[in-house]
PDB file of all heavy atoms in Angstrom:
ATOM      1  N   SER A   1     100.472 121.621 109.765  1.00  0.00           N
ATOM      2  CA  SER A   1     100.027 122.005 108.424  1.00  0.00           C
ATOM      3  C   SER A   1     100.034 123.518 108.287  1.00  0.00           C
ATOM      4  O   SER A   1      99.592 124.232 109.179  1.00  0.00           O
ATOM      5  CB  SER A   1      98.616 121.469 108.157  1.00  0.00           C
ATOM      6  OG  SER A   1      98.601 120.055 108.149  1.00  0.00           O
ATOM      7  N   ALA A   2     100.524 124.000 107.156  1.00  0.00           N
ATOM      8  CA  ALA A   2     100.658 125.443 106.943  1.00  0.00           C
ATOM      9  C   ALA A   2      99.812 125.884 105.756  1.00  0.00           C
ATOM     10  O   ALA A   2      99.737 125.200 104.743  1.00  0.00           O
ATOM     11  CB  ALA A   2     102.115 125.814 106.700  1.00  0.00           C
ATOM     12  N   GLY A   3      99.181 127.043 105.913  1.00  0.00           N
ATOM     13  CA  GLY A   3      98.456 127.684 104.818  1.00  0.00           C
ATOM     14  C   GLY A   3      98.837 129.148 104.768  1.00  0.00           C
ATOM     15  O   GLY A   3      99.803 129.570 105.417  1.00  0.00           O
ATOM     16  N   THR A   4      98.070 129.929 104.016  1.00  0.00           N
ATOM     17  CA  THR A   4      98.450 131.328 103.847  1.00  0.00           C
ATOM     18  C   THR A   4      97.624 132.295 104.681  1.00  0.00           C
ATOM     19  O   THR A   4      98.016 133.442 104.825  1.00  0.00           O
ATOM     20  CB  THR A   4      98.315 131.763 102.383  1.00  0.00           C
ATOM     21  OG1 THR A   4      96.932 131.687 101.991  1.00  0.00           O
ATOM     22  CG2 THR A   4      99.143 130.884 101.476  1.00  0.00           C
ATOM     23  N   GLY A   5      96.496 131.897 105.222  1.00  0.00           N
ATOM     24  CA  GLY A   5      95.660 132.824 105.957  1.00  0.00           C
ATOM     25  C   GLY A   5      95.202 133.974 105.089  1.00  0.00           C
ATOM     26  O   GLY A   5      95.080 133.865 103.858  1.00  0.00           O
ATOM     27  N   LEU A   6      94.931 135.112 105.721  1.00  0.00           N
ATOM     28  CA  LEU A   6      94.512 136.323 105.019  1.00  0.00           C
ATOM     29  C   LEU A   6      95.690 137.197 104.627  1.00  0.00           C
ATOM     30  O   LEU A   6      95.577 138.061 103.757  1.00  0.00           O
ATOM     31  CB  LEU A   6      93.571 137.137 105.916  1.00  0.00           C
ATOM     32  CG  LEU A   6      92.172 136.563 106.096  1.00  0.00           C
ATOM     33  CD1 LEU A   6      91.537 137.113 107.365  1.00  0.00           C
ATOM     34  CD2 LEU A   6      91.307 136.876 104.895  1.00  0.00           C
ATOM     35  N   GLN A   7      96.805 137.014 105.303  1.00  0.00           N
ATOM     36  CA  GLN A   7      98.019 137.769 105.024  1.00  0.00           C
ATOM     37  C   GLN A   7      99.211 136.823 105.045  1.00  0.00           C
ATOM     38  O   GLN A   7      99.162 135.749 105.641  1.00  0.00           O
ATOM     39  CB  GLN A   7      98.263 138.845 106.092  1.00  0.00           C
ATOM     40  CG  GLN A   7      97.310 140.019 106.076  1.00  0.00           C
ATOM     41  CD  GLN A   7      97.682 141.044 107.138  1.00  0.00           C
ATOM     42  OE1 GLN A   7      97.853 140.707 108.300  1.00  0.00           O
ATOM     43  NE2 GLN A   7      97.808 142.297 106.727  1.00  0.00           N
ATOM     44  N   MET A   8     100.263 137.214 104.384  1.00  0.00           N
ATOM     45  CA  MET A   8     101.592 136.647 104.566  1.00  0.00           C
ATOM     46  C   MET A   8     102.560 137.809 104.723  1.00  0.00           C
ATOM     47  O   MET A   8     102.223 138.948 104.405  1.00  0.00           O
ATOM     48  CB  MET A   8     102.006 135.779 103.379  1.00  0.00           C
ATOM     49  CG  MET A   8     101.310 134.441 103.295  1.00  0.00           C
ATOM     50  SD  MET A   8     101.973 133.421 101.957  1.00  0.00           S
ATOM     51  CE  MET A   8     101.381 134.333 100.533  1.00  0.00           C
ATOM     52  N   ALA A   9     103.740 137.509 105.196  1.00  0.00           N
ATOM     53  CA  ALA A   9     104.802 138.513 105.236  1.00  0.00           C
ATOM     54  C   ALA A   9     106.001 137.958 104.486  1.00  0.00           C
ATOM     55  O   ALA A   9     106.334 136.769 104.619  1.00  0.00           O
ATOM     56  CB  ALA A   9     105.177 138.843 106.676  1.00  0.00           C
ATOM     57  N   VAL A  10     106.631 138.789 103.681  1.00  0.00           N
ATOM     58  CA  VAL A  10     107.827 138.385 102.942  1.00  0.00           C
ATOM     59  C   VAL A  10     108.971 139.305 103.393  1.00  0.00           C
ATOM     60  O   VAL A  10     109.026 140.468 103.027  1.00  0.00           O
ATOM     61  CB  VAL A  10     107.603 138.424 101.418  1.00  0.00           C
ATOM     62  CG1 VAL A  10     106.679 137.293 101.001  1.00  0.00           C
ATOM     63  CG2 VAL A  10     107.001 139.746 100.957  1.00  0.00           C
ATOM     64  N   LYS A  11     109.849 138.759 104.211  1.00  0.00           N
ATOM     65  CA  LYS A  11     110.948 139.508 104.824  1.00  0.00           C
ATOM     66  C   LYS A  11     112.161 138.593 104.970  1.00  0.00           C
ATOM     67  O   LYS A  11     112.042 137.370 105.000  1.00  0.00           O
ATOM     68  CB  LYS A  11     110.546 140.017 106.219  1.00  0.00           C
ATOM     69  CG  LYS A  11     109.390 140.989 106.256  1.00  0.00           C
ATOM     70  CD  LYS A  11     109.798 142.380 105.839  1.00  0.00           C
ATOM     71  CE  LYS A  11     108.676 143.373 106.039  1.00  0.00           C
ATOM     72  NZ  LYS A  11     109.081 144.761 105.660  1.00  0.00           N
ATOM     73  N   ASP A  12     113.340 139.202 105.098  1.00  0.00           N
ATOM     74  CA  ASP A  12     114.556 138.444 105.383  1.00  0.00           C
ATOM     75  C   ASP A  12     114.610 138.199 106.893  1.00  0.00           C
ATOM     76  O   ASP A  12     115.197 138.970 107.649  1.00  0.00           O
ATOM     77  CB  ASP A  12     115.783 139.220 104.902  1.00  0.00           C
ATOM     78  CG  ASP A  12     117.081 138.437 105.075  1.00  0.00           C
ATOM     79  OD1 ASP A  12     117.027 137.280 105.536  1.00  0.00           O
ATOM     80  OD2 ASP A  12     118.150 139.001 104.756  1.00  0.00           O
ATOM     81  N   MET A  13     113.992 137.121 107.324  1.00  0.00           N
ATOM     82  CA  MET A  13     113.826 136.862 108.749  1.00  0.00           C
ATOM     83  C   MET A  13     115.142 136.539 109.459  1.00  0.00           C
ATOM     84  O   MET A  13     115.289 136.830 110.647  1.00  0.00           O
ATOM     85  CB  MET A  13     112.839 135.707 108.957  1.00  0.00           C
ATOM     86  CG  MET A  13     111.434 135.976 108.425  1.00  0.00           C
ATOM     87  SD  MET A  13     110.640 137.378 109.228  1.00  0.00           S
ATOM     88  CE  MET A  13     110.479 136.767 110.898  1.00  0.00           C
ATOM     89  N   ASP A  14     116.086 135.923 108.757  1.00  0.00           N
ATOM     90  CA  ASP A  14     117.326 135.492 109.395  1.00  0.00           C
ATOM     91  C   ASP A  14     118.538 136.316 108.965  1.00  0.00           C
ATOM     92  O   ASP A  14     119.682 135.939 109.238  1.00  0.00           O
ATOM     93  CB  ASP A  14     117.583 134.003 109.129  1.00  0.00           C
ATOM     94  CG  ASP A  14     117.437 133.646 107.654  1.00  0.00           C
ATOM     95  OD1 ASP A  14     117.256 134.561 106.829  1.00  0.00           O
ATOM     96  OD2 ASP A  14     117.510 132.444 107.326  1.00  0.00           O
ATOM     97  N   SER A  15     118.286 137.426 108.264  1.00  0.00           N
ATOM     98  CA  SER A  15     119.352 138.375 107.879  1.00  0.00           C
ATOM     99  C   SER A  15     120.479 137.709 107.091  1.00  0.00           C
ATOM    100  O   SER A  15     121.662 138.043 107.256  1.00  0.00           O
ATOM    101  CB  SER A  15     119.933 139.058 109.129  1.00  0.00           C
ATOM    102  OG  SER A  15     118.935 139.745 109.847  1.00  0.00           O
ATOM    103  N   ASP A  16     120.107 136.775 106.209  1.00  0.00           N
ATOM    104  CA  ASP A  16     121.128 136.117 105.403  1.00  0.00           C
ATOM    105  C   ASP A  16     121.132 136.593 103.951  1.00  0.00           C
ATOM    106  O   ASP A  16     121.839 136.043 103.110  1.00  0.00           O
ATOM    107  CB  ASP A  16     120.969 134.594 105.452  1.00  0.00           C
ATOM    108  CG  ASP A  16     119.687 134.100 104.783  1.00  0.00           C
ATOM    109  OD1 ASP A  16     118.833 134.946 104.441  1.00  0.00           O
ATOM    110  OD2 ASP A  16     119.544 132.876 104.614  1.00  0.00           O
ATOM    111  N   GLY A  17     120.314 137.636 103.656  1.00  0.00           N
ATOM    112  CA  GLY A  17     120.367 138.236 102.330  1.00  0.00           C
ATOM    113  C   GLY A  17     119.309 137.784 101.358  1.00  0.00           C
ATOM    114  O   GLY A  17     119.288 138.252 100.213  1.00  0.00           O
ATOM    115  N   ASP A  18     118.412 136.870 101.767  1.00  0.00           N
ATOM    116  CA  ASP A  18     117.323 136.476 100.876  1.00  0.00           C
ATOM    117  C   ASP A  18     115.977 136.616 101.578  1.00  0.00           C
ATOM    118  O   ASP A  18     115.897 136.816 102.785  1.00  0.00           O
ATOM    119  CB  ASP A  18     117.515 135.059 100.312  1.00  0.00           C
ATOM    120  CG  ASP A  18     117.718 134.007 101.388  1.00  0.00           C
ATOM    121  OD1 ASP A  18     117.363 134.269 102.556  1.00  0.00           O
ATOM    122  OD2 ASP A  18     118.222 132.922 101.067  1.00  0.00           O
ATOM    123  N   ILE A  19     114.913 136.527 100.804  1.00  0.00           N
ATOM    124  CA  ILE A  19     113.561 136.781 101.307  1.00  0.00           C
ATOM    125  C   ILE A  19     112.923 135.495 101.800  1.00  0.00           C
ATOM    126  O   ILE A  19     112.824 134.501 101.061  1.00  0.00           O
ATOM    127  CB  ILE A  19     112.686 137.419 100.209  1.00  0.00           C
ATOM    128  CG1 ILE A  19     113.298 138.738  99.728  1.00  0.00           C
ATOM    129  CG2 ILE A  19     111.262 137.649 100.735  1.00  0.00           C
ATOM    130  CD1 ILE A  19     113.411 139.798 100.796  1.00  0.00           C
ATOM    131  N   ASP A  20     112.472 135.516 103.035  1.00  0.00           N
ATOM    132  CA  ASP A  20     111.766 134.392 103.645  1.00  0.00           C
ATOM    133  C   ASP A  20     110.266 134.695 103.666  1.00  0.00           C
ATOM    134  O   ASP A  20     109.828 135.774 103.274  1.00  0.00           O
ATOM    135  CB  ASP A  20     112.296 134.159 105.058  1.00  0.00           C
ATOM    136  CG  ASP A  20     113.817 134.025 105.091  1.00  0.00           C
ATOM    137  OD1 ASP A  20     114.337 133.131 104.405  1.00  0.00           O
ATOM    138  OD2 ASP A  20     114.462 134.818 105.795  1.00  0.00           O
ATOM    139  N   ILE A  21     109.476 133.732 104.134  1.00  0.00           N
ATOM    140  CA  ILE A  21     108.015 133.838 104.114  1.00  0.00           C
ATOM    141  C   ILE A  21     107.473 133.511 105.500  1.00  0.00           C
ATOM    142  O   ILE A  21     107.860 132.500 106.095  1.00  0.00           O
ATOM    143  CB  ILE A  21     107.413 132.867 103.080  1.00  0.00           C
ATOM    144  CG1 ILE A  21     107.925 133.186 101.674  1.00  0.00           C
ATOM    145  CG2 ILE A  21     105.880 132.911 103.119  1.00  0.00           C
ATOM    146  CD1 ILE A  21     107.658 132.073 100.662  1.00  0.00           C
ATOM    147  N   VAL A  22     106.576 134.350 106.004  1.00  0.00           N
ATOM    148  CA  VAL A  22     105.863 134.061 107.250  1.00  0.00           C
ATOM    149  C   VAL A  22     104.400 133.836 106.904  1.00  0.00           C
ATOM    150  O   VAL A  22     103.773 134.670 106.245  1.00  0.00           O
ATOM    151  CB  VAL A  22     106.002 135.202 108.267  1.00  0.00           C
ATOM    152  CG1 VAL A  22     105.310 134.835 109.577  1.00  0.00           C
ATOM    153  CG2 VAL A  22     107.478 135.527 108.516  1.00  0.00           C
ATOM    154  N   ALA A  23     103.869 132.701 107.337  1.00  0.00           N
ATOM    155  CA  ALA A  23     102.522 132.292 106.939  1.00  0.00           C
ATOM    156  C   ALA A  23     101.682 131.947 108.164  1.00  0.00           C
ATOM    157  O   ALA A  23     101.974 130.979 108.869  1.00  0.00           O
ATOM    158  CB  ALA A  23     102.595 131.085 106.002  1.00  0.00           C
ATOM    159  N   PRO A  24     100.623 132.730 108.417  1.00  0.00           N
ATOM    160  CA  PRO A  24      99.674 132.398 109.475  1.00  0.00           C
ATOM    161  C   PRO A  24      98.500 131.616 108.893  1.00  0.00           C
ATOM    162  O   PRO A  24      98.388 131.457 107.677  1.00  0.00           O
ATOM    163  CB  PRO A  24      99.210 133.766 109.942  1.00  0.00           C
ATOM    164  CG  PRO A  24      99.137 134.545 108.645  1.00  0.00           C
ATOM    165  CD  PRO A  24     100.268 134.023 107.779  1.00  0.00           C
ATOM    166  N   GLY A  25      97.611 131.176 109.738  1.00  0.00           N
ATOM    167  CA  GLY A  25      96.406 130.511 109.262  1.00  0.00           C
ATOM    168  C   GLY A  25      95.699 129.780 110.379  1.00  0.00           C
ATOM    169  O   GLY A  25      96.170 129.735 111.525  1.00  0.00           O
ATOM    170  N   LYS A  26      94.582 129.199 110.046  1.00  0.00           N
ATOM    171  CA  LYS A  26      93.773 128.508 111.037  1.00  0.00           C
ATOM    172  C   LYS A  26      94.421 127.229 111.548  1.00  0.00           C
ATOM    173  O   LYS A  26      93.941 126.638 112.522  1.00  0.00           O
ATOM    174  CB  LYS A  26      92.393 128.207 110.461  1.00  0.00           C
ATOM    175  CG  LYS A  26      91.572 129.464 110.192  1.00  0.00           C
ATOM    176  CD  LYS A  26      90.224 129.131 109.575  1.00  0.00           C
ATOM    177  CE  LYS A  26      89.413 130.405 109.337  1.00  0.00           C
ATOM    178  NZ  LYS A  26      88.127 130.143 108.666  1.00  0.00           N
TER     179      LYS A  26
END
């Protein structure tokens, strides 16, 4: 199960030209 935690990161993680999302949480 995924949530947003206190922070997220929005970066092109796989270098394919679009913005991906990194989501931490409990």
